[in-house]
Structure formats: C-alpha cells, structure tokens
Amino acid sequence: QVQLVESGGGLVQTGGSLRLSCADAGGTRTHINMGWFRQAPAKEREFVAANRLGGGSNVYGDSVKGRFTISRDNTMRTVYLQMNRLEPEDTAVYYCAAGGNYGSRPLDYDYWGQGTQVTVSS
C-alpha cells in the first residue's frame, strides 16, 4: 500500500529557504514518477516540479523556475523539494505525488500525500 508522507514545512521569512521531503512509508516501492504540487486557499492545485527516474531533466512550474529544485536521495525512494528565495506568494499546502504518468497535471498521478503547510511571511 502506498503512503506518501511529506515533512519539512513551516514558517519562513521572505527570501528564506526550506527543504521538503517525501517518502513512501507504505513499503519499499520505488516510484518512477514523483512530483510536487501546491494549493493555496481558494486556488486550484498548482504544479511545482516533477522528477522521473532515468528521464533526464526535471520539470518545473513557471512560478518556481530558478528558485526550487527537485531531487531524490541515493535510494531513489525519497524525493526532496529545495525551495530558495521564498516569497509570500509561495504560501500554500505542498503535496507530494507519485505514480501514473510523468506530467504537470494532478490527474497524471495516482498517489498523494496529506500535504505540509509552507507559510512565507513578508
């Protein structure tokens, strides 16, 4: 059973950094496709970044390009989102996603974590 668990959210000032982590606590499965999305109050879920094993370059949403980096650990089972130069507009619940297809749409993914809150103060 897949159980994605995110961690690393919190409160940070504008210009600061955070690193989010996501691991599958449900077993030893390695997900080929993993991604990050975010959702702010009263807004739709927004694509942040995606990583595909052996797939070459990562993909990023336009609003985070150059500031956020997606990566995996050596086991390839934990995915990270390094967030630098954070802005108040980055405030949202951040969700980890896995499985399905390598893409930027929520429906591309089969499994989702519960989310972790990131708040950037001005």
N, C-alpha and C. Protein backbone atom coordinates (compact mmCIF):
# COMPACT_ATOMS: atom_id res chain seq x y z
N GLN A 1 0.83 -1.18 0.00
CA GLN A 1 0.00 0.00 0.00
C GLN A 1 0.87 1.24 0.00
N VAL A 2 0.54 2.21 -0.84
CA VAL A 2 1.33 3.42 -0.95
C VAL A 2 0.86 4.43 0.11
N GLN A 3 1.81 4.98 0.83
CA GLN A 3 1.52 6.00 1.83
C GLN A 3 2.61 7.06 1.75
N LEU A 4 2.32 8.12 1.03
CA LEU A 4 3.29 9.20 0.89
C LEU A 4 3.21 10.13 2.10
N VAL A 5 4.36 10.43 2.67
CA VAL A 5 4.41 11.28 3.85
C VAL A 5 5.37 12.43 3.60
N GLU A 6 4.84 13.64 3.67
CA GLU A 6 5.66 14.83 3.49
C GLU A 6 6.13 15.37 4.84
N SER A 7 7.26 16.07 4.82
CA SER A 7 7.76 16.74 6.01
C SER A 7 8.59 17.93 5.58
N GLY A 8 8.86 18.82 6.54
CA GLY A 8 9.75 19.93 6.26
C GLY A 8 9.08 21.28 6.10
N GLY A 9 7.77 21.31 6.13
CA GLY A 9 7.09 22.59 6.02
C GLY A 9 7.26 23.43 7.27
N GLY A 10 6.83 24.68 7.17
CA GLY A 10 6.94 25.56 8.32
C GLY A 10 6.79 27.01 7.93
N LEU A 11 7.19 27.87 8.85
CA LEU A 11 7.10 29.31 8.66
C LEU A 11 8.50 29.86 8.39
N VAL A 12 8.60 30.68 7.36
CA VAL A 12 9.90 31.25 6.98
C VAL A 12 9.67 32.68 6.49
N GLN A 13 10.68 33.50 6.63
CA GLN A 13 10.57 34.87 6.16
C GLN A 13 10.87 34.96 4.66
N THR A 14 10.40 36.02 4.06
CA THR A 14 10.68 36.25 2.64
C THR A 14 12.18 36.20 2.39
N GLY A 15 12.55 35.48 1.33
CA GLY A 15 13.95 35.32 0.99
C GLY A 15 14.61 34.11 1.61
N GLY A 16 13.90 33.46 2.51
CA GLY A 16 14.45 32.29 3.19
C GLY A 16 14.32 31.02 2.37
N SER A 17 14.72 29.91 2.99
CA SER A 17 14.72 28.61 2.32
C SER A 17 14.09 27.55 3.20
N LEU A 18 13.53 26.55 2.54
CA LEU A 18 13.02 25.35 3.21
C LEU A 18 13.30 24.17 2.31
N ARG A 19 13.42 22.99 2.91
CA ARG A 19 13.53 21.77 2.12
C ARG A 19 12.44 20.81 2.57
N LEU A 20 11.59 20.44 1.62
CA LEU A 20 10.54 19.47 1.87
C LEU A 20 11.03 18.08 1.49
N SER A 21 10.54 17.10 2.22
CA SER A 21 10.87 15.70 1.93
C SER A 21 9.58 14.91 1.76
N CYS A 22 9.67 13.86 0.98
CA CYS A 22 8.52 12.97 0.78
C CYS A 22 9.02 11.55 0.61
N ALA A 23 8.48 10.65 1.40
CA ALA A 23 8.85 9.24 1.30
C ALA A 23 7.60 8.38 1.36
N ASP A 24 7.68 7.22 0.78
CA ASP A 24 6.58 6.26 0.82
C ASP A 24 6.75 5.40 2.06
N ALA A 25 5.92 5.63 3.05
CA ALA A 25 6.00 4.88 4.30
C ALA A 25 5.28 3.54 4.22
N GLY A 26 4.68 3.27 3.07
CA GLY A 26 3.88 2.06 2.95
C GLY A 26 4.63 0.84 2.49
N GLY A 27 5.92 1.00 2.10
CA GLY A 27 6.66 -0.16 1.64
C GLY A 27 7.99 0.23 1.02
N THR A 28 8.52 -0.66 0.21
CA THR A 28 9.85 -0.44 -0.38
C THR A 28 9.76 -0.11 -1.87
N ARG A 29 8.61 0.28 -2.30
CA ARG A 29 8.41 0.56 -3.71
C ARG A 29 9.17 1.80 -4.14
N THR A 30 9.74 1.76 -5.32
CA THR A 30 10.38 2.94 -5.92
C THR A 30 9.48 3.47 -7.02
N HIS A 31 9.04 4.70 -6.86
CA HIS A 31 8.14 5.28 -7.83
C HIS A 31 8.92 5.94 -8.96
N ILE A 32 8.59 5.58 -10.17
CA ILE A 32 9.29 6.15 -11.30
C ILE A 32 9.02 7.65 -11.42
N ASN A 33 7.76 8.01 -11.30
CA ASN A 33 7.37 9.41 -11.43
C ASN A 33 6.99 9.96 -10.06
N MET A 34 7.61 11.07 -9.68
CA MET A 34 7.25 11.74 -8.43
C MET A 34 7.22 13.24 -8.68
N GLY A 35 6.31 13.91 -8.00
CA GLY A 35 6.17 15.33 -8.22
C GLY A 35 5.71 16.07 -6.98
N TRP A 36 5.74 17.38 -7.09
CA TRP A 36 5.24 18.26 -6.04
C TRP A 36 4.21 19.21 -6.63
N PHE A 37 3.14 19.39 -5.88
CA PHE A 37 2.11 20.36 -6.22
C PHE A 37 1.87 21.22 -4.99
N ARG A 38 1.17 22.32 -5.18
CA ARG A 38 0.81 23.16 -4.04
C ARG A 38 -0.59 23.73 -4.26
N GLN A 39 -1.22 24.05 -3.15
CA GLN A 39 -2.55 24.63 -3.22
C GLN A 39 -2.71 25.68 -2.14
N ALA A 40 -2.99 26.89 -2.58
CA ALA A 40 -3.26 27.99 -1.67
C ALA A 40 -4.77 28.10 -1.46
N PRO A 41 -5.21 28.73 -0.38
CA PRO A 41 -6.65 28.86 -0.12
C PRO A 41 -7.38 29.49 -1.30
N ALA A 42 -8.49 28.89 -1.66
CA ALA A 42 -9.36 29.37 -2.73
C ALA A 42 -8.71 29.33 -4.11
N LYS A 43 -7.62 28.58 -4.25
CA LYS A 43 -6.97 28.45 -5.55
C LYS A 43 -6.89 26.98 -5.95
N GLU A 44 -6.71 26.75 -7.25
CA GLU A 44 -6.58 25.39 -7.73
C GLU A 44 -5.19 24.84 -7.40
N ARG A 45 -5.11 23.51 -7.42
CA ARG A 45 -3.83 22.87 -7.17
C ARG A 45 -2.88 23.21 -8.32
N GLU A 46 -1.68 23.63 -7.96
CA GLU A 46 -0.71 24.13 -8.93
C GLU A 46 0.51 23.21 -9.02
N PHE A 47 0.95 22.94 -10.22
CA PHE A 47 2.13 22.12 -10.43
C PHE A 47 3.38 22.89 -9.99
N VAL A 48 4.26 22.19 -9.27
CA VAL A 48 5.50 22.80 -8.83
C VAL A 48 6.71 22.17 -9.52
N ALA A 49 6.84 20.85 -9.42
CA ALA A 49 8.02 20.19 -10.00
C ALA A 49 7.75 18.71 -10.16
N ALA A 50 8.48 18.09 -11.08
CA ALA A 50 8.36 16.64 -11.29
C ALA A 50 9.70 16.05 -11.63
N ASN A 51 9.87 14.79 -11.22
CA ASN A 51 11.10 14.05 -11.46
C ASN A 51 10.74 12.65 -11.94
N ARG A 52 11.45 12.19 -12.96
CA ARG A 52 11.25 10.84 -13.47
C ARG A 52 12.59 10.11 -13.45
N LEU A 53 12.61 8.95 -12.87
CA LEU A 53 13.83 8.17 -12.83
C LEU A 53 14.33 7.90 -14.24
N GLY A 54 15.59 8.21 -14.50
CA GLY A 54 16.18 7.97 -15.79
C GLY A 54 15.62 8.84 -16.89
N GLY A 55 14.87 9.88 -16.51
CA GLY A 55 14.17 10.67 -17.51
C GLY A 55 14.86 11.95 -17.91
N GLY A 56 16.09 12.17 -17.47
CA GLY A 56 16.78 13.38 -17.86
C GLY A 56 16.40 14.56 -17.00
N SER A 57 16.13 15.69 -17.58
CA SER A 57 15.87 16.94 -16.87
C SER A 57 14.58 16.87 -16.07
N ASN A 58 14.57 17.56 -14.94
CA ASN A 58 13.36 17.72 -14.17
C ASN A 58 12.48 18.80 -14.82
N VAL A 59 11.25 18.86 -14.41
CA VAL A 59 10.31 19.85 -14.95
C VAL A 59 9.80 20.71 -13.81
N TYR A 60 9.65 22.01 -14.08
CA TYR A 60 9.23 22.94 -13.04
C TYR A 60 8.10 23.83 -13.54
N GLY A 61 7.27 24.26 -12.59
CA GLY A 61 6.27 25.26 -12.90
C GLY A 61 6.94 26.61 -13.13
N ASP A 62 6.32 27.45 -13.93
CA ASP A 62 6.94 28.72 -14.30
C ASP A 62 7.22 29.60 -13.08
N SER A 63 6.36 29.55 -12.09
CA SER A 63 6.50 30.45 -10.95
C SER A 63 7.64 30.07 -10.01
N VAL A 64 8.20 28.88 -10.17
CA VAL A 64 9.26 28.45 -9.25
C VAL A 64 10.59 28.18 -9.96
N LYS A 65 10.61 28.29 -11.27
CA LYS A 65 11.85 28.03 -12.01
C LYS A 65 12.98 28.93 -11.51
N GLY A 66 14.13 28.32 -11.31
CA GLY A 66 15.29 29.06 -10.85
C GLY A 66 15.37 29.23 -9.35
N ARG A 67 14.28 28.88 -8.63
CA ARG A 67 14.28 29.02 -7.18
C ARG A 67 14.12 27.67 -6.48
N PHE A 68 13.38 26.76 -7.07
CA PHE A 68 13.11 25.45 -6.46
C PHE A 68 13.86 24.38 -7.23
N THR A 69 14.25 23.32 -6.49
CA THR A 69 14.94 22.19 -7.11
C THR A 69 14.37 20.89 -6.55
N ILE A 70 13.99 19.99 -7.45
CA ILE A 70 13.52 18.67 -7.05
C ILE A 70 14.66 17.68 -7.20
N SER A 71 14.78 16.75 -6.27
CA SER A 71 15.84 15.76 -6.33
C SER A 71 15.42 14.53 -5.54
N ARG A 72 16.23 13.48 -5.63
CA ARG A 72 15.97 12.26 -4.86
C ARG A 72 17.22 11.89 -4.07
N ASP A 73 17.02 11.07 -3.04
CA ASP A 73 18.17 10.57 -2.29
C ASP A 73 18.77 9.37 -3.02
N ASN A 74 19.83 8.81 -2.44
CA ASN A 74 20.54 7.72 -3.11
C ASN A 74 19.69 6.47 -3.29
N THR A 75 18.71 6.27 -2.45
CA THR A 75 17.84 5.11 -2.60
C THR A 75 16.79 5.33 -3.68
N MET A 76 16.61 6.58 -4.09
CA MET A 76 15.62 6.98 -5.09
C MET A 76 14.19 6.88 -4.57
N ARG A 77 14.05 6.61 -3.25
CA ARG A 77 12.70 6.43 -2.72
C ARG A 77 12.21 7.66 -1.98
N THR A 78 13.10 8.60 -1.70
CA THR A 78 12.71 9.85 -1.07
C THR A 78 12.94 10.98 -2.06
N VAL A 79 11.95 11.84 -2.20
CA VAL A 79 12.08 12.98 -3.09
C VAL A 79 12.10 14.26 -2.25
N TYR A 80 12.92 15.20 -2.66
CA TYR A 80 13.07 16.45 -1.95
C TYR A 80 12.62 17.62 -2.83
N LEU A 81 12.24 18.69 -2.18
CA LEU A 81 11.98 19.94 -2.87
C LEU A 81 12.73 21.03 -2.11
N GLN A 82 13.84 21.47 -2.67
CA GLN A 82 14.60 22.55 -2.08
C GLN A 82 14.02 23.86 -2.58
N MET A 83 13.58 24.69 -1.65
CA MET A 83 12.92 25.94 -2.01
C MET A 83 13.76 27.10 -1.50
N ASN A 84 14.26 27.90 -2.43
CA ASN A 84 15.08 29.06 -2.09
C ASN A 84 14.39 30.35 -2.49
N ARG A 85 14.83 31.44 -1.93
CA ARG A 85 14.29 32.78 -2.24
C ARG A 85 12.76 32.76 -2.16
N LEU A 86 12.26 32.26 -1.08
CA LEU A 86 10.82 32.12 -0.92
C LEU A 86 10.13 33.47 -0.85
N GLU A 87 8.92 33.50 -1.39
CA GLU A 87 8.12 34.71 -1.46
C GLU A 87 6.76 34.44 -0.80
N PRO A 88 6.08 35.50 -0.33
CA PRO A 88 4.75 35.27 0.26
C PRO A 88 3.80 34.51 -0.67
N GLU A 89 3.97 34.69 -1.98
CA GLU A 89 3.11 34.00 -2.95
C GLU A 89 3.35 32.49 -2.97
N ASP A 90 4.42 32.04 -2.34
CA ASP A 90 4.69 30.60 -2.26
C ASP A 90 3.93 29.94 -1.11
N THR A 91 3.25 30.73 -0.30
CA THR A 91 2.49 30.18 0.82
C THR A 91 1.37 29.28 0.31
N ALA A 92 1.38 28.04 0.78
CA ALA A 92 0.41 27.04 0.31
C ALA A 92 0.63 25.75 1.08
N VAL A 93 -0.28 24.82 0.89
CA VAL A 93 -0.05 23.44 1.31
C VAL A 93 0.64 22.73 0.15
N TYR A 94 1.75 22.10 0.44
CA TYR A 94 2.53 21.41 -0.58
C TYR A 94 2.27 19.92 -0.50
N TYR A 95 1.97 19.34 -1.66
CA TYR A 95 1.63 17.92 -1.74
C TYR A 95 2.65 17.17 -2.58
N CYS A 96 2.99 16.00 -2.11
CA CYS A 96 3.82 15.07 -2.86
C CYS A 96 2.91 14.13 -3.64
N ALA A 97 3.32 13.78 -4.85
CA ALA A 97 2.52 12.88 -5.68
C ALA A 97 3.44 11.85 -6.33
N ALA A 98 2.88 10.69 -6.65
CA ALA A 98 3.69 9.62 -7.24
C ALA A 98 2.84 8.74 -8.15
N GLY A 99 3.55 7.99 -8.99
CA GLY A 99 2.88 7.02 -9.84
C GLY A 99 2.34 7.62 -11.12
N GLY A 100 1.59 6.83 -11.85
CA GLY A 100 0.94 7.31 -13.05
C GLY A 100 1.91 7.76 -14.11
N ASN A 101 1.66 8.93 -14.64
CA ASN A 101 2.45 9.46 -15.73
C ASN A 101 3.35 10.59 -15.27
N TYR A 102 4.34 10.87 -16.06
CA TYR A 102 5.26 11.98 -15.78
C TYR A 102 4.63 13.22 -16.39
N GLY A 103 4.09 14.08 -15.53
CA GLY A 103 3.41 15.23 -16.08
C GLY A 103 3.20 16.32 -15.07
N SER A 104 2.50 17.37 -15.49
CA SER A 104 2.28 18.55 -14.67
C SER A 104 0.82 18.71 -14.25
N ARG A 105 0.01 17.71 -14.52
CA ARG A 105 -1.39 17.79 -14.15
C ARG A 105 -1.65 16.87 -12.95
N PRO A 106 -2.51 17.28 -12.04
CA PRO A 106 -2.82 16.40 -10.91
C PRO A 106 -3.30 15.02 -11.34
N LEU A 107 -4.06 14.96 -12.44
CA LEU A 107 -4.57 13.65 -12.85
C LEU A 107 -3.49 12.75 -13.43
N ASP A 108 -2.28 13.26 -13.60
CA ASP A 108 -1.17 12.42 -14.05
C ASP A 108 -0.68 11.49 -12.96
N TYR A 109 -1.07 11.73 -11.72
CA TYR A 109 -0.52 10.99 -10.59
C TYR A 109 -1.60 10.17 -9.89
N ASP A 110 -1.18 9.01 -9.38
CA ASP A 110 -2.10 8.07 -8.75
C ASP A 110 -2.17 8.24 -7.23
N TYR A 111 -1.07 8.65 -6.63
CA TYR A 111 -0.98 8.67 -5.17
C TYR A 111 -0.59 10.05 -4.67
N TRP A 112 -1.14 10.40 -3.50
CA TRP A 112 -0.91 11.73 -2.94
C TRP A 112 -0.64 11.63 -1.45
N GLY A 113 0.21 12.54 -0.97
CA GLY A 113 0.40 12.67 0.46
C GLY A 113 -0.67 13.58 1.06
N GLN A 114 -0.60 13.77 2.37
CA GLN A 114 -1.57 14.59 3.09
C GLN A 114 -1.25 16.08 3.00
N GLY A 115 -0.03 16.40 2.63
CA GLY A 115 0.35 17.79 2.48
C GLY A 115 1.08 18.35 3.69
N THR A 116 1.90 19.36 3.43
CA THR A 116 2.61 20.05 4.50
C THR A 116 2.51 21.55 4.24
N GLN A 117 2.24 22.30 5.29
CA GLN A 117 2.00 23.74 5.14
C GLN A 117 3.32 24.50 5.07
N VAL A 118 3.40 25.37 4.09
CA VAL A 118 4.53 26.30 3.97
C VAL A 118 3.95 27.71 4.03
N THR A 119 4.45 28.50 4.96
CA THR A 119 4.00 29.87 5.12
C THR A 119 5.20 30.80 5.04
N VAL A 120 5.12 31.76 4.13
CA VAL A 120 6.20 32.72 3.95
C VAL A 120 5.70 34.08 4.39
N SER A 121 6.33 34.64 5.40
CA SER A 121 5.90 35.94 5.93
C SER A 121 6.65 37.07 5.22
N SER A 122 5.94 38.18 5.07
CA SER A 122 6.54 39.33 4.37
C SER A 122 7.26 40.25 5.34
